[in-house]
Amino acid sequence: MFIHIFGFRWRSEATEADVARATREILAFKGTIPGLHEVVVGPNLSERDQGYTFGGCMQFASRAAFYAYVPHPAHTALLEWLVPLIDAVEIDLEA
């Protein structure tokens, strides 16, 4: 199993519609991305968020499945519009 965790700091130009779109598109990866078993995404509820107000966790079947996700068209389409709106942190774990 391979776990991909991410957090976003939204830049000032990001709107609530952008947050909603990101949520919808990330959740839609399940069933679209081969080897992606679980997706959880939403507001960061931690009092120690350090400005990362949005985050998620994805469970992949393997590291190879994760690396196949990175260039997947659904993922790259999301990144095209999302990357200019966020500062992100990522953590990847193998279990």
PDB file of N, CA and C in Angstrom:
ATOM      1  N   MET A   1       0.852  -1.175   0.000  1.00  0.00           N
ATOM      2  CA  MET A   1       0.000   0.000   0.000  1.00  0.00           C
ATOM      3  C   MET A   1       0.896   1.236   0.000  1.00  0.00           C
ATOM      4  N   PHE A   2       0.458   2.270  -0.724  1.00  0.00           N
ATOM      5  CA  PHE A   2       1.188   3.529  -0.808  1.00  0.00           C
ATOM      6  C   PHE A   2       0.211   4.651  -0.482  1.00  0.00           C
ATOM      7  N   ILE A   3       0.587   5.531   0.432  1.00  0.00           N
ATOM      8  CA  ILE A   3      -0.273   6.612   0.896  1.00  0.00           C
ATOM      9  C   ILE A   3       0.297   7.954   0.431  1.00  0.00           C
ATOM     10  N   HIS A   4      -0.541   8.756  -0.194  1.00  0.00           N
ATOM     11  CA  HIS A   4      -0.175  10.101  -0.651  1.00  0.00           C
ATOM     12  C   HIS A   4      -1.028  11.092   0.136  1.00  0.00           C
ATOM     13  N   ILE A   5      -0.367  11.987   0.880  1.00  0.00           N
ATOM     14  CA  ILE A   5      -1.037  12.986   1.708  1.00  0.00           C
ATOM     15  C   ILE A   5      -0.647  14.364   1.184  1.00  0.00           C
ATOM     16  N   PHE A   6      -1.603  15.277   1.130  1.00  0.00           N
ATOM     17  CA  PHE A   6      -1.290  16.621   0.643  1.00  0.00           C
ATOM     18  C   PHE A   6      -2.051  17.670   1.433  1.00  0.00           C
ATOM     19  N   GLY A   7      -1.471  18.855   1.501  1.00  0.00           N
ATOM     20  CA  GLY A   7      -2.119  20.006   2.109  1.00  0.00           C
ATOM     21  C   GLY A   7      -1.940  21.215   1.214  1.00  0.00           C
ATOM     22  N   PHE A   8      -2.946  22.084   1.178  1.00  0.00           N
ATOM     23  CA  PHE A   8      -2.896  23.284   0.349  1.00  0.00           C
ATOM     24  C   PHE A   8      -3.042  24.522   1.210  1.00  0.00           C
ATOM     25  N   ARG A   9      -2.230  25.517   0.903  1.00  0.00           N
ATOM     26  CA  ARG A   9      -2.467  26.894   1.328  1.00  0.00           C
ATOM     27  C   ARG A   9      -3.021  27.584   0.087  1.00  0.00           C
ATOM     28  N   TRP A  10      -4.243  28.032   0.163  1.00  0.00           N
ATOM     29  CA  TRP A  10      -4.862  28.701  -0.982  1.00  0.00           C
ATOM     30  C   TRP A  10      -4.317  30.120  -1.087  1.00  0.00           C
ATOM     31  N   ARG A  11      -3.956  30.525  -2.282  1.00  0.00           N
ATOM     32  CA  ARG A  11      -3.503  31.894  -2.530  1.00  0.00           C
ATOM     33  C   ARG A  11      -4.703  32.823  -2.553  1.00  0.00           C
ATOM     34  N   SER A  12      -4.459  34.114  -2.393  1.00  0.00           N
ATOM     35  CA  SER A  12      -5.551  35.084  -2.233  1.00  0.00           C
ATOM     36  C   SER A  12      -6.508  35.120  -3.418  1.00  0.00           C
ATOM     37  N   GLU A  13      -6.045  34.792  -4.618  1.00  0.00           N
ATOM     38  CA  GLU A  13      -6.929  34.831  -5.784  1.00  0.00           C
ATOM     39  C   GLU A  13      -7.859  33.619  -5.893  1.00  0.00           C
ATOM     40  N   ALA A  14      -7.644  32.591  -5.074  1.00  0.00           N
ATOM     41  CA  ALA A  14      -8.513  31.407  -5.093  1.00  0.00           C
ATOM     42  C   ALA A  14      -9.884  31.761  -4.521  1.00  0.00           C
ATOM     43  N   THR A  15     -10.914  31.197  -5.144  1.00  0.00           N
ATOM     44  CA  THR A  15     -12.292  31.456  -4.707  1.00  0.00           C
ATOM     45  C   THR A  15     -12.887  30.201  -4.075  1.00  0.00           C
ATOM     46  N   GLU A  16     -14.030  30.366  -3.443  1.00  0.00           N
ATOM     47  CA  GLU A  16     -14.748  29.213  -2.905  1.00  0.00           C
ATOM     48  C   GLU A  16     -15.126  28.245  -4.026  1.00  0.00           C
ATOM     49  N   ALA A  17     -15.408  28.779  -5.207  1.00  0.00           N
ATOM     50  CA  ALA A  17     -15.710  27.923  -6.358  1.00  0.00           C
ATOM     51  C   ALA A  17     -14.494  27.077  -6.738  1.00  0.00           C
ATOM     52  N   ASP A  18     -13.294  27.643  -6.620  1.00  0.00           N
ATOM     53  CA  ASP A  18     -12.073  26.882  -6.894  1.00  0.00           C
ATOM     54  C   ASP A  18     -11.911  25.744  -5.888  1.00  0.00           C
ATOM     55  N   VAL A  19     -12.172  26.026  -4.630  1.00  0.00           N
ATOM     56  CA  VAL A  19     -12.076  24.999  -3.587  1.00  0.00           C
ATOM     57  C   VAL A  19     -13.083  23.886  -3.860  1.00  0.00           C
ATOM     58  N   ALA A  20     -14.300  24.256  -4.196  1.00  0.00           N
ATOM     59  CA  ALA A  20     -15.340  23.262  -4.496  1.00  0.00           C
ATOM     60  C   ALA A  20     -14.959  22.435  -5.723  1.00  0.00           C
ATOM     61  N   ARG A  21     -14.419  23.089  -6.745  1.00  0.00           N
ATOM     62  CA  ARG A  21     -14.001  22.368  -7.955  1.00  0.00           C
ATOM     63  C   ARG A  21     -12.875  21.392  -7.640  1.00  0.00           C
ATOM     64  N   ALA A  22     -11.890  21.831  -6.863  1.00  0.00           N
ATOM     65  CA  ALA A  22     -10.784  20.942  -6.488  1.00  0.00           C
ATOM     66  C   ALA A  22     -11.317  19.729  -5.737  1.00  0.00           C
ATOM     67  N   THR A  23     -12.225  19.954  -4.816  1.00  0.00           N
ATOM     68  CA  THR A  23     -12.813  18.855  -4.049  1.00  0.00           C
ATOM     69  C   THR A  23     -13.496  17.855  -4.977  1.00  0.00           C
ATOM     70  N   ARG A  24     -14.337  18.339  -5.871  1.00  0.00           N
ATOM     71  CA  ARG A  24     -15.053  17.465  -6.817  1.00  0.00           C
ATOM     72  C   ARG A  24     -14.083  16.678  -7.696  1.00  0.00           C
ATOM     73  N   GLU A  25     -13.102  17.376  -8.264  1.00  0.00           N
ATOM     74  CA  GLU A  25     -12.196  16.722  -9.204  1.00  0.00           C
ATOM     75  C   GLU A  25     -11.297  15.698  -8.513  1.00  0.00           C
ATOM     76  N   ILE A  26     -10.831  16.004  -7.312  1.00  0.00           N
ATOM     77  CA  ILE A  26      -9.982  15.050  -6.584  1.00  0.00           C
ATOM     78  C   ILE A  26     -10.803  13.819  -6.189  1.00  0.00           C
ATOM     79  N   LEU A  27     -12.010  14.017  -5.684  1.00  0.00           N
ATOM     80  CA  LEU A  27     -12.864  12.881  -5.327  1.00  0.00           C
ATOM     81  C   LEU A  27     -13.190  12.020  -6.546  1.00  0.00           C
ATOM     82  N   ALA A  28     -13.288  12.633  -7.711  1.00  0.00           N
ATOM     83  CA  ALA A  28     -13.608  11.900  -8.937  1.00  0.00           C
ATOM     84  C   ALA A  28     -12.462  11.008  -9.411  1.00  0.00           C
ATOM     85  N   PHE A  29     -11.271  11.182  -8.847  1.00  0.00           N
ATOM     86  CA  PHE A  29     -10.152  10.305  -9.219  1.00  0.00           C
ATOM     87  C   PHE A  29     -10.456   8.851  -8.879  1.00  0.00           C
ATOM     88  N   LYS A  30     -11.196   8.621  -7.781  1.00  0.00           N
ATOM     89  CA  LYS A  30     -11.537   7.249  -7.410  1.00  0.00           C
ATOM     90  C   LYS A  30     -12.460   6.669  -8.472  1.00  0.00           C
ATOM     91  N   GLY A  31     -12.093   5.545  -9.004  1.00  0.00           N
ATOM     92  CA  GLY A  31     -12.843   4.938 -10.087  1.00  0.00           C
ATOM     93  C   GLY A  31     -12.323   5.328 -11.459  1.00  0.00           C
ATOM     94  N   THR A  32     -11.454   6.337 -11.495  1.00  0.00           N
ATOM     95  CA  THR A  32     -10.856   6.804 -12.747  1.00  0.00           C
ATOM     96  C   THR A  32      -9.379   6.431 -12.830  1.00  0.00           C
ATOM     97  N   ILE A  33      -8.680   6.530 -11.709  1.00  0.00           N
ATOM     98  CA  ILE A  33      -7.240   6.273 -11.647  1.00  0.00           C
ATOM     99  C   ILE A  33      -7.026   4.810 -11.264  1.00  0.00           C
ATOM    100  N   PRO A  34      -6.406   4.013 -12.126  1.00  0.00           N
ATOM    101  CA  PRO A  34      -6.139   2.607 -11.787  1.00  0.00           C
ATOM    102  C   PRO A  34      -5.254   2.491 -10.537  1.00  0.00           C
ATOM    103  N   GLY A  35      -5.631   1.592  -9.643  1.00  0.00           N
ATOM    104  CA  GLY A  35      -4.849   1.345  -8.441  1.00  0.00           C
ATOM    105  C   GLY A  35      -5.109   2.300  -7.296  1.00  0.00           C
ATOM    106  N   LEU A  36      -5.992   3.286  -7.487  1.00  0.00           N
ATOM    107  CA  LEU A  36      -6.359   4.214  -6.416  1.00  0.00           C
ATOM    108  C   LEU A  36      -7.555   3.619  -5.681  1.00  0.00           C
ATOM    109  N   HIS A  37      -7.334   3.239  -4.407  1.00  0.00           N
ATOM    110  CA  HIS A  37      -8.371   2.562  -3.637  1.00  0.00           C
ATOM    111  C   HIS A  37      -9.261   3.498  -2.827  1.00  0.00           C
ATOM    112  N   GLU A  38      -8.677   4.585  -2.332  1.00  0.00           N
ATOM    113  CA  GLU A  38      -9.443   5.454  -1.436  1.00  0.00           C
ATOM    114  C   GLU A  38      -8.982   6.893  -1.603  1.00  0.00           C
ATOM    115  N   VAL A  39      -9.933   7.827  -1.494  1.00  0.00           N
ATOM    116  CA  VAL A  39      -9.650   9.259  -1.556  1.00  0.00           C
ATOM    117  C   VAL A  39     -10.466   9.943  -0.466  1.00  0.00           C
ATOM    118  N   VAL A  40      -9.788  10.766   0.323  1.00  0.00           N
ATOM    119  CA  VAL A  40     -10.440  11.600   1.331  1.00  0.00           C
ATOM    120  C   VAL A  40      -9.898  13.006   1.128  1.00  0.00           C
ATOM    121  N   VAL A  41     -10.783  13.992   1.080  1.00  0.00           N
ATOM    122  CA  VAL A  41     -10.354  15.372   0.835  1.00  0.00           C
ATOM    123  C   VAL A  41     -11.320  16.324   1.519  1.00  0.00           C
ATOM    124  N   GLY A  42     -10.796  17.468   1.988  1.00  0.00           N
ATOM    125  CA  GLY A  42     -11.664  18.463   2.596  1.00  0.00           C
ATOM    126  C   GLY A  42     -10.902  19.471   3.413  1.00  0.00           C
ATOM    127  N   PRO A  43     -11.636  20.291   4.168  1.00  0.00           N
ATOM    128  CA  PRO A  43     -11.002  21.312   5.000  1.00  0.00           C
ATOM    129  C   PRO A  43     -10.124  20.685   6.074  1.00  0.00           C
ATOM    130  N   ASN A  44      -8.995  21.322   6.337  1.00  0.00           N
ATOM    131  CA  ASN A  44      -8.108  20.895   7.422  1.00  0.00           C
ATOM    132  C   ASN A  44      -8.681  21.445   8.727  1.00  0.00           C
ATOM    133  N   LEU A  45      -9.008  20.577   9.650  1.00  0.00           N
ATOM    134  CA  LEU A  45      -9.641  20.984  10.906  1.00  0.00           C
ATOM    135  C   LEU A  45      -8.649  21.180  12.048  1.00  0.00           C
ATOM    136  N   SER A  46      -7.374  20.984  11.784  1.00  0.00           N
ATOM    137  CA  SER A  46      -6.360  21.111  12.818  1.00  0.00           C
ATOM    138  C   SER A  46      -6.199  22.564  13.275  1.00  0.00           C
ATOM    139  N   GLU A  47      -6.034  22.756  14.567  1.00  0.00           N
ATOM    140  CA  GLU A  47      -5.732  24.075  15.107  1.00  0.00           C
ATOM    141  C   GLU A  47      -4.272  24.459  14.825  1.00  0.00           C
ATOM    142  N   ARG A  48      -3.477  23.495  14.379  1.00  0.00           N
ATOM    143  CA  ARG A  48      -2.063  23.719  14.062  1.00  0.00           C
ATOM    144  C   ARG A  48      -1.843  23.635  12.552  1.00  0.00           C
ATOM    145  N   ASP A  49      -2.752  24.181  11.777  1.00  0.00           N
ATOM    146  CA  ASP A  49      -2.745  23.995  10.316  1.00  0.00           C
ATOM    147  C   ASP A  49      -1.623  24.722   9.582  1.00  0.00           C
ATOM    148  N   GLN A  50      -0.971  25.691  10.224  1.00  0.00           N
ATOM    149  CA  GLN A  50       0.121  26.466   9.626  1.00  0.00           C
ATOM    150  C   GLN A  50      -0.278  27.059   8.276  1.00  0.00           C
ATOM    151  N   GLY A  51      -1.550  27.351   8.115  1.00  0.00           N
ATOM    152  CA  GLY A  51      -2.041  27.952   6.887  1.00  0.00           C
ATOM    153  C   GLY A  51      -2.512  26.955   5.843  1.00  0.00           C
ATOM    154  N   TYR A  52      -2.279  25.666   6.073  1.00  0.00           N
ATOM    155  CA  TYR A  52      -2.744  24.622   5.154  1.00  0.00           C
ATOM    156  C   TYR A  52      -4.188  24.297   5.521  1.00  0.00           C
ATOM    157  N   THR A  53      -5.100  24.967   4.865  1.00  0.00           N
ATOM    158  CA  THR A  53      -6.501  24.902   5.254  1.00  0.00           C
ATOM    159  C   THR A  53      -7.302  23.824   4.520  1.00  0.00           C
ATOM    160  N   PHE A  54      -6.650  23.097   3.635  1.00  0.00           N
ATOM    161  CA  PHE A  54      -7.315  22.087   2.817  1.00  0.00           C
ATOM    162  C   PHE A  54      -6.343  20.928   2.646  1.00  0.00           C
ATOM    163  N   GLY A  55      -6.865  19.714   2.668  1.00  0.00           N
ATOM    164  CA  GLY A  55      -5.944  18.591   2.495  1.00  0.00           C
ATOM    165  C   GLY A  55      -6.655  17.324   2.097  1.00  0.00           C
ATOM    166  N   GLY A  56      -5.846  16.299   1.902  1.00  0.00           N
ATOM    167  CA  GLY A  56      -6.411  15.026   1.523  1.00  0.00           C
ATOM    168  C   GLY A  56      -5.428  13.893   1.662  1.00  0.00           C
ATOM    169  N   CYS A  57      -5.967  12.709   1.486  1.00  0.00           N
ATOM    170  CA  CYS A  57      -5.193  11.483   1.594  1.00  0.00           C
ATOM    171  C   CYS A  57      -5.701  10.513   0.535  1.00  0.00           C
ATOM    172  N   MET A  58      -4.753   9.875  -0.150  1.00  0.00           N
ATOM    173  CA  MET A  58      -5.088   8.891  -1.175  1.00  0.00           C
ATOM    174  C   MET A  58      -4.354   7.597  -0.870  1.00  0.00           C
ATOM    175  N   GLN A  59      -5.061   6.501  -0.987  1.00  0.00           N
ATOM    176  CA  GLN A  59      -4.465   5.184  -0.770  1.00  0.00           C
ATOM    177  C   GLN A  59      -4.376   4.465  -2.112  1.00  0.00           C
ATOM    178  N   PHE A  60      -3.153   4.131  -2.507  1.00  0.00           N
ATOM    179  CA  PHE A  60      -2.890   3.417  -3.751  1.00  0.00           C
ATOM    180  C   PHE A  60      -2.497   1.975  -3.459  1.00  0.00           C
ATOM    181  N   ALA A  61      -2.703   1.118  -4.426  1.00  0.00           N
ATOM    182  CA  ALA A  61      -2.350  -0.297  -4.281  1.00  0.00           C
ATOM    183  C   ALA A  61      -0.846  -0.481  -4.108  1.00  0.00           C
ATOM    184  N   SER A  62      -0.061   0.407  -4.713  1.00  0.00           N
ATOM    185  CA  SER A  62       1.397   0.250  -4.684  1.00  0.00           C
ATOM    186  C   SER A  62       2.062   1.573  -5.062  1.00  0.00           C
ATOM    187  N   ARG A  63       3.352   1.626  -4.870  1.00  0.00           N
ATOM    188  CA  ARG A  63       4.126   2.793  -5.294  1.00  0.00           C
ATOM    189  C   ARG A  63       4.015   2.958  -6.816  1.00  0.00           C
ATOM    190  N   ALA A  64       4.043   1.851  -7.533  1.00  0.00           N
ATOM    191  CA  ALA A  64       3.920   1.903  -8.994  1.00  0.00           C
ATOM    192  C   ALA A  64       2.586   2.515  -9.410  1.00  0.00           C
ATOM    193  N   ALA A  65       1.508   2.185  -8.710  1.00  0.00           N
ATOM    194  CA  ALA A  65       0.198   2.761  -9.021  1.00  0.00           C
ATOM    195  C   ALA A  65       0.221   4.270  -8.792  1.00  0.00           C
ATOM    196  N   PHE A  66       0.877   4.706  -7.722  1.00  0.00           N
ATOM    197  CA  PHE A  66       1.001   6.141  -7.465  1.00  0.00           C
ATOM    198  C   PHE A  66       1.773   6.818  -8.590  1.00  0.00           C
ATOM    199  N   TYR A  67       2.903   6.239  -8.987  1.00  0.00           N
ATOM    200  CA  TYR A  67       3.710   6.853 -10.049  1.00  0.00           C
ATOM    201  C   TYR A  67       2.985   6.850 -11.391  1.00  0.00           C
ATOM    202  N   ALA A  68       2.071   5.931 -11.605  1.00  0.00           N
ATOM    203  CA  ALA A  68       1.247   5.946 -12.819  1.00  0.00           C
ATOM    204  C   ALA A  68       0.186   7.049 -12.738  1.00  0.00           C
ATOM    205  N   TYR A  69      -0.243   7.401 -11.522  1.00  0.00           N
ATOM    206  CA  TYR A  69      -1.222   8.467 -11.304  1.00  0.00           C
ATOM    207  C   TYR A  69      -0.646   9.836 -11.653  1.00  0.00           C
ATOM    208  N   VAL A  70       0.614  10.060 -11.347  1.00  0.00           N
ATOM    209  CA  VAL A  70       1.222  11.383 -11.521  1.00  0.00           C
ATOM    210  C   VAL A  70       1.016  11.926 -12.942  1.00  0.00           C
ATOM    211  N   PRO A  71       1.297  11.152 -14.018  1.00  0.00           N
ATOM    212  CA  PRO A  71       1.085  11.691 -15.365  1.00  0.00           C
ATOM    213  C   PRO A  71      -0.314  11.406 -15.946  1.00  0.00           C
ATOM    214  N   HIS A  72      -1.198  10.812 -15.160  1.00  0.00           N
ATOM    215  CA  HIS A  72      -2.541  10.482 -15.661  1.00  0.00           C
ATOM    216  C   HIS A  72      -3.237  11.761 -16.139  1.00  0.00           C
ATOM    217  N   PRO A  73      -3.946  11.709 -17.267  1.00  0.00           N
ATOM    218  CA  PRO A  73      -4.601  12.912 -17.807  1.00  0.00           C
ATOM    219  C   PRO A  73      -5.550  13.619 -16.835  1.00  0.00           C
ATOM    220  N   ALA A  74      -6.265  12.891 -16.013  1.00  0.00           N
ATOM    221  CA  ALA A  74      -7.170  13.527 -15.042  1.00  0.00           C
ATOM    222  C   ALA A  74      -6.376  14.337 -14.022  1.00  0.00           C
ATOM    223  N   HIS A  75      -5.235  13.816 -13.595  1.00  0.00           N
ATOM    224  CA  HIS A  75      -4.395  14.515 -12.629  1.00  0.00           C
ATOM    225  C   HIS A  75      -3.738  15.734 -13.267  1.00  0.00           C
ATOM    226  N   THR A  76      -3.181  15.578 -14.452  1.00  0.00           N
ATOM    227  CA  THR A  76      -2.508  16.715 -15.096  1.00  0.00           C
ATOM    228  C   THR A  76      -3.505  17.822 -15.442  1.00  0.00           C
ATOM    229  N   ALA A  77      -4.747  17.468 -15.788  1.00  0.00           N
ATOM    230  CA  ALA A  77      -5.773  18.480 -16.058  1.00  0.00           C
ATOM    231  C   ALA A  77      -6.080  19.287 -14.796  1.00  0.00           C
ATOM    232  N   LEU A  78      -6.144  18.615 -13.668  1.00  0.00           N
ATOM    233  CA  LEU A  78      -6.361  19.304 -12.390  1.00  0.00           C
ATOM    234  C   LEU A  78      -5.204  20.250 -12.101  1.00  0.00           C
ATOM    235  N   LEU A  79      -3.990  19.763 -12.247  1.00  0.00           N
ATOM    236  CA  LEU A  79      -2.813  20.574 -11.921  1.00  0.00           C
ATOM    237  C   LEU A  79      -2.715  21.827 -12.776  1.00  0.00           C
ATOM    238  N   GLU A  80      -3.154  21.759 -14.012  1.00  0.00           N
ATOM    239  CA  GLU A  80      -3.052  22.915 -14.922  1.00  0.00           C
ATOM    240  C   GLU A  80      -3.710  24.161 -14.348  1.00  0.00           C
ATOM    241  N   TRP A  81      -4.888  24.012 -13.776  1.00  0.00           N
ATOM    242  CA  TRP A  81      -5.569  25.184 -13.243  1.00  0.00           C
ATOM    243  C   TRP A  81      -5.331  25.381 -11.748  1.00  0.00           C
ATOM    244  N   LEU A  82      -5.017  24.291 -11.028  1.00  0.00           N
ATOM    245  CA  LEU A  82      -4.901  24.355  -9.570  1.00  0.00           C
ATOM    246  C   LEU A  82      -3.560  24.904  -9.079  1.00  0.00           C
ATOM    247  N   VAL A  83      -2.471  24.489  -9.688  1.00  0.00           N
ATOM    248  CA  VAL A  83      -1.131  24.855  -9.186  1.00  0.00           C
ATOM    249  C   VAL A  83      -0.954  26.369  -9.014  1.00  0.00           C
ATOM    250  N   PRO A  84      -1.447  27.211  -9.929  1.00  0.00           N
ATOM    251  CA  PRO A  84      -1.282  28.651  -9.706  1.00  0.00           C
ATOM    252  C   PRO A  84      -2.050  29.194  -8.494  1.00  0.00           C
ATOM    253  N   LEU A  85      -2.964  28.419  -7.938  1.00  0.00           N
ATOM    254  CA  LEU A  85      -3.815  28.884  -6.838  1.00  0.00           C
ATOM    255  C   LEU A  85      -3.385  28.395  -5.465  1.00  0.00           C
ATOM    256  N   ILE A  86      -2.337  27.565  -5.394  1.00  0.00           N
ATOM    257  CA  ILE A  86      -1.975  26.934  -4.111  1.00  0.00           C
ATOM    258  C   ILE A  86      -0.480  26.958  -3.860  1.00  0.00           C
ATOM    259  N   ASP A  87      -0.159  26.846  -2.594  1.00  0.00           N
ATOM    260  CA  ASP A  87       1.152  26.422  -2.127  1.00  0.00           C
ATOM    261  C   ASP A  87       0.880  25.069  -1.478  1.00  0.00           C
ATOM    262  N   ALA A  88       1.584  24.052  -1.904  1.00  0.00           N
ATOM    263  CA  ALA A  88       1.251  22.696  -1.460  1.00  0.00           C
ATOM    264  C   ALA A  88       2.400  22.051  -0.697  1.00  0.00           C
ATOM    265  N   VAL A  89       2.027  21.106   0.145  1.00  0.00           N
ATOM    266  CA  VAL A  89       2.972  20.222   0.799  1.00  0.00           C
ATOM    267  C   VAL A  89       2.483  18.808   0.546  1.00  0.00           C
ATOM    268  N   GLU A  90       3.423  17.881   0.328  1.00  0.00           N
ATOM    269  CA  GLU A  90       3.057  16.493   0.069  1.00  0.00           C
ATOM    270  C   GLU A  90       3.900  15.564   0.951  1.00  0.00           C
ATOM    271  N   ILE A  91       3.263  14.498   1.381  1.00  0.00           N
ATOM    272  CA  ILE A  91       3.926  13.454   2.159  1.00  0.00           C
ATOM    273  C   ILE A  91       3.513  12.127   1.561  1.00  0.00           C
ATOM    274  N   ASP A  92       4.478  11.282   1.255  1.00  0.00           N
ATOM    275  CA  ASP A  92       4.205   9.960   0.691  1.00  0.00           C
ATOM    276  C   ASP A  92       4.786   8.902   1.617  1.00  0.00           C
ATOM    277  N   LEU A  93       3.993   7.867   1.873  1.00  0.00           N
ATOM    278  CA  LEU A  93       4.378   6.800   2.786  1.00  0.00           C
ATOM    279  C   LEU A  93       4.105   5.443   2.152  1.00  0.00           C
ATOM    280  N   GLU A  94       4.967   4.508   2.410  1.00  0.00           N
ATOM    281  CA  GLU A  94       4.710   3.131   1.976  1.00  0.00           C
ATOM    282  C   GLU A  94       4.413   2.298   3.214  1.00  0.00           C
ATOM    283  N   ALA A  95       3.331   1.549   3.160  1.00  0.00           N
ATOM    284  CA  ALA A  95       2.937   0.763   4.328  1.00  0.00           C
ATOM    285  C   ALA A  95       2.885  -0.709   3.963  1.00  0.00           C
TER     286      ALA A  95
END
